[in-house]
Amino acid sequence: MARFEVYANTGKSNSNTPYLVDVQSDFLGGLTFRVVVPLIRTDSFPPGKLPSDFTPFFEIGGIKCMLHPAFIASVPLSELGPTIGSLREHRDKITAALDRLLGGH
């Protein structure tokens, strides 16, 4: 498990939210859960007036997705699907979105 890894969502919401991105510090790697943010299909989410730095877009497996930090969650390791890839190269965008959620600038 590594920060910014993308996992298949095996839950009930997987048709609208196909992926989850791990945002938990690797320092806490020994826990039995990971903190994740959903990657929601842009074609299944109504357009809104959320700041673009709060909901950055990514294309994964040919699917355009939006990171939505407001839906951050803790997921048991046993419920994470297979690793799809990594968004490590976008860590600054993801961290900025989490900072917006938590009161940063």
C-alpha atoms as a PDB file:
ATOM      1  CA  MET A   1       0.000   0.000   0.000  1.00  0.00           C
ATOM      2  CA  ALA A   2       1.354   3.385  -0.952  1.00  0.00           C
ATOM      3  CA  ARG A   3       0.110   6.924  -0.874  1.00  0.00           C
ATOM      4  CA  PHE A   4      -1.496   8.056  -4.157  1.00  0.00           C
ATOM      5  CA  GLU A   5      -2.075   4.490  -5.386  1.00  0.00           C
ATOM      6  CA  VAL A   6      -5.375   4.079  -7.230  1.00  0.00           C
ATOM      7  CA  TYR A   7      -7.579   1.080  -6.433  1.00  0.00           C
ATOM      8  CA  ALA A   8     -10.637  -0.346  -8.103  1.00  0.00           C
ATOM      9  CA  ASN A   9     -13.748   0.392  -6.066  1.00  0.00           C
ATOM     10  CA  THR A  10     -15.384  -2.944  -5.238  1.00  0.00           C
ATOM     11  CA  GLY A  11     -18.287  -1.332  -3.355  1.00  0.00           C
ATOM     12  CA  LYS A  12     -21.872  -0.701  -4.416  1.00  0.00           C
ATOM     13  CA  SER A  13     -21.021   2.733  -5.811  1.00  0.00           C
ATOM     14  CA  ASN A  14     -18.483   1.433  -8.331  1.00  0.00           C
ATOM     15  CA  SER A  15     -20.595   2.303 -11.392  1.00  0.00           C
ATOM     16  CA  ASN A  16     -20.349   6.026 -10.541  1.00  0.00           C
ATOM     17  CA  THR A  17     -17.140   5.839  -8.525  1.00  0.00           C
ATOM     18  CA  PRO A  18     -14.891   3.322 -10.248  1.00  0.00           C
ATOM     19  CA  TYR A  19     -11.721   4.194  -8.340  1.00  0.00           C
ATOM     20  CA  LEU A  20     -10.397   5.218  -4.940  1.00  0.00           C
ATOM     21  CA  VAL A  21      -7.112   7.039  -4.409  1.00  0.00           C
ATOM     22  CA  ASP A  22      -5.124   6.369  -1.243  1.00  0.00           C
ATOM     23  CA  VAL A  23      -4.216   9.635   0.498  1.00  0.00           C
ATOM     24  CA  GLN A  24      -2.947   8.209   3.776  1.00  0.00           C
ATOM     25  CA  SER A  25       0.624   8.819   4.839  1.00  0.00           C
ATOM     26  CA  ASP A  26       2.914   5.845   4.316  1.00  0.00           C
ATOM     27  CA  PHE A  27       4.094   6.494   7.880  1.00  0.00           C
ATOM     28  CA  LEU A  28       0.828   4.827   8.990  1.00  0.00           C
ATOM     29  CA  GLY A  29       1.298   1.767   6.794  1.00  0.00           C
ATOM     30  CA  GLY A  30       0.805  -0.756   9.596  1.00  0.00           C
ATOM     31  CA  LEU A  31      -2.899   0.021  10.052  1.00  0.00           C
ATOM     32  CA  THR A  32      -5.642  -2.318   8.816  1.00  0.00           C
ATOM     33  CA  PHE A  33      -7.357   0.438   6.843  1.00  0.00           C
ATOM     34  CA  ARG A  34      -6.475   3.208   4.405  1.00  0.00           C
ATOM     35  CA  VAL A  35      -7.866   6.717   4.038  1.00  0.00           C
ATOM     36  CA  VAL A  36      -9.111   7.178   0.480  1.00  0.00           C
ATOM     37  CA  VAL A  37     -10.799   9.799  -1.682  1.00  0.00           C
ATOM     38  CA  PRO A  38     -13.195   8.691  -4.412  1.00  0.00           C
ATOM     39  CA  LEU A  39     -12.591   9.304  -8.081  1.00  0.00           C
ATOM     40  CA  ILE A  40     -16.083   9.927  -9.463  1.00  0.00           C
ATOM     41  CA  ARG A  41     -16.990   9.593 -13.144  1.00  0.00           C
ATOM     42  CA  THR A  42     -17.500  13.103 -14.485  1.00  0.00           C
ATOM     43  CA  ASP A  43     -20.406  11.908 -16.643  1.00  0.00           C
ATOM     44  CA  SER A  44     -22.288  10.710 -13.548  1.00  0.00           C
ATOM     45  CA  PHE A  45     -21.794  13.784 -11.374  1.00  0.00           C
ATOM     46  CA  PRO A  46     -23.885  16.901 -11.928  1.00  0.00           C
ATOM     47  CA  PRO A  47     -21.871  19.975 -12.844  1.00  0.00           C
ATOM     48  CA  GLY A  48     -21.494  22.358  -9.964  1.00  0.00           C
ATOM     49  CA  LYS A  49     -19.694  25.405  -8.837  1.00  0.00           C
ATOM     50  CA  LEU A  50     -16.932  23.736  -6.867  1.00  0.00           C
ATOM     51  CA  PRO A  51     -13.453  25.264  -7.228  1.00  0.00           C
ATOM     52  CA  SER A  52     -11.345  23.420  -9.812  1.00  0.00           C
ATOM     53  CA  ASP A  53      -8.465  23.078  -7.352  1.00  0.00           C
ATOM     54  CA  PHE A  54     -10.847  21.291  -4.950  1.00  0.00           C
ATOM     55  CA  THR A  55     -12.019  18.758  -7.543  1.00  0.00           C
ATOM     56  CA  PRO A  56      -9.162  18.093  -9.983  1.00  0.00           C
ATOM     57  CA  PHE A  57      -9.785  15.836 -12.965  1.00  0.00           C
ATOM     58  CA  PHE A  58      -7.859  12.734 -13.967  1.00  0.00           C
ATOM     59  CA  GLU A  59      -8.252  10.187 -16.740  1.00  0.00           C
ATOM     60  CA  ILE A  60      -7.801   6.611 -15.576  1.00  0.00           C
ATOM     61  CA  GLY A  61      -8.369   3.606 -17.780  1.00  0.00           C
ATOM     62  CA  GLY A  62     -10.017   5.830 -20.375  1.00  0.00           C
ATOM     63  CA  ILE A  63     -12.521   7.168 -17.833  1.00  0.00           C
ATOM     64  CA  LYS A  64     -12.523  10.874 -16.977  1.00  0.00           C
ATOM     65  CA  CYS A  65     -12.846  11.152 -13.199  1.00  0.00           C
ATOM     66  CA  MET A  66     -13.027  13.905 -10.638  1.00  0.00           C
ATOM     67  CA  LEU A  67     -11.372  13.695  -7.224  1.00  0.00           C
ATOM     68  CA  HIS A  68     -13.967  14.654  -4.593  1.00  0.00           C
ATOM     69  CA  PRO A  69     -12.295  15.246  -1.206  1.00  0.00           C
ATOM     70  CA  ALA A  70     -15.616  15.917   0.535  1.00  0.00           C
ATOM     71  CA  PHE A  71     -16.291  12.166   0.316  1.00  0.00           C
ATOM     72  CA  ILE A  72     -13.045  11.158   2.043  1.00  0.00           C
ATOM     73  CA  ALA A  73     -13.376   7.839   3.895  1.00  0.00           C
ATOM     74  CA  SER A  74     -11.535   5.159   5.779  1.00  0.00           C
ATOM     75  CA  VAL A  75     -11.687   1.747   4.091  1.00  0.00           C
ATOM     76  CA  PRO A  76     -10.545  -1.611   5.466  1.00  0.00           C
ATOM     77  CA  LEU A  77      -7.696  -3.102   3.438  1.00  0.00           C
ATOM     78  CA  SER A  78      -9.858  -6.140   2.717  1.00  0.00           C
ATOM     79  CA  GLU A  79     -12.341  -3.934   0.820  1.00  0.00           C
ATOM     80  CA  LEU A  80      -9.846  -2.310  -1.528  1.00  0.00           C
ATOM     81  CA  GLY A  81      -9.854  -3.727  -5.035  1.00  0.00           C
ATOM     82  CA  PRO A  82      -6.792  -4.313  -7.171  1.00  0.00           C
ATOM     83  CA  THR A  83      -4.261  -1.561  -7.767  1.00  0.00           C
ATOM     84  CA  ILE A  84      -4.979   0.212 -11.044  1.00  0.00           C
ATOM     85  CA  GLY A  85      -2.065   2.633 -11.059  1.00  0.00           C
ATOM     86  CA  SER A  86      -0.720   5.675  -9.289  1.00  0.00           C
ATOM     87  CA  LEU A  87      -1.406   9.400  -9.194  1.00  0.00           C
ATOM     88  CA  ARG A  88       1.900  10.120  -7.469  1.00  0.00           C
ATOM     89  CA  GLU A  89       2.890  12.525 -10.239  1.00  0.00           C
ATOM     90  CA  HIS A  90      -0.228  14.560  -9.315  1.00  0.00           C
ATOM     91  CA  ARG A  91       0.455  14.611  -5.567  1.00  0.00           C
ATOM     92  CA  ASP A  92       0.590  18.428  -5.483  1.00  0.00           C
ATOM     93  CA  LYS A  93      -2.921  18.704  -6.983  1.00  0.00           C
ATOM     94  CA  ILE A  94      -4.300  16.088  -4.608  1.00  0.00           C
ATOM     95  CA  THR A  95      -2.631  17.634  -1.570  1.00  0.00           C
ATOM     96  CA  ALA A  96      -3.935  21.084  -2.557  1.00  0.00           C
ATOM     97  CA  ALA A  97      -7.480  19.669  -2.796  1.00  0.00           C
ATOM     98  CA  LEU A  98      -7.159  18.120   0.657  1.00  0.00           C
ATOM     99  CA  ASP A  99      -5.806  21.414   2.013  1.00  0.00           C
ATOM    100  CA  ARG A 100      -8.926  23.170   0.677  1.00  0.00           C
ATOM    101  CA  LEU A 101     -11.105  20.615   2.458  1.00  0.00           C
ATOM    102  CA  LEU A 102      -9.264  21.010   5.728  1.00  0.00           C
ATOM    103  CA  GLY A 103      -9.155  24.789   5.737  1.00  0.00           C
ATOM    104  CA  GLY A 104      -5.964  25.548   3.900  1.00  0.00           C
ATOM    105  CA  HIS A 105      -5.640  28.123   1.172  1.00  0.00           C
END
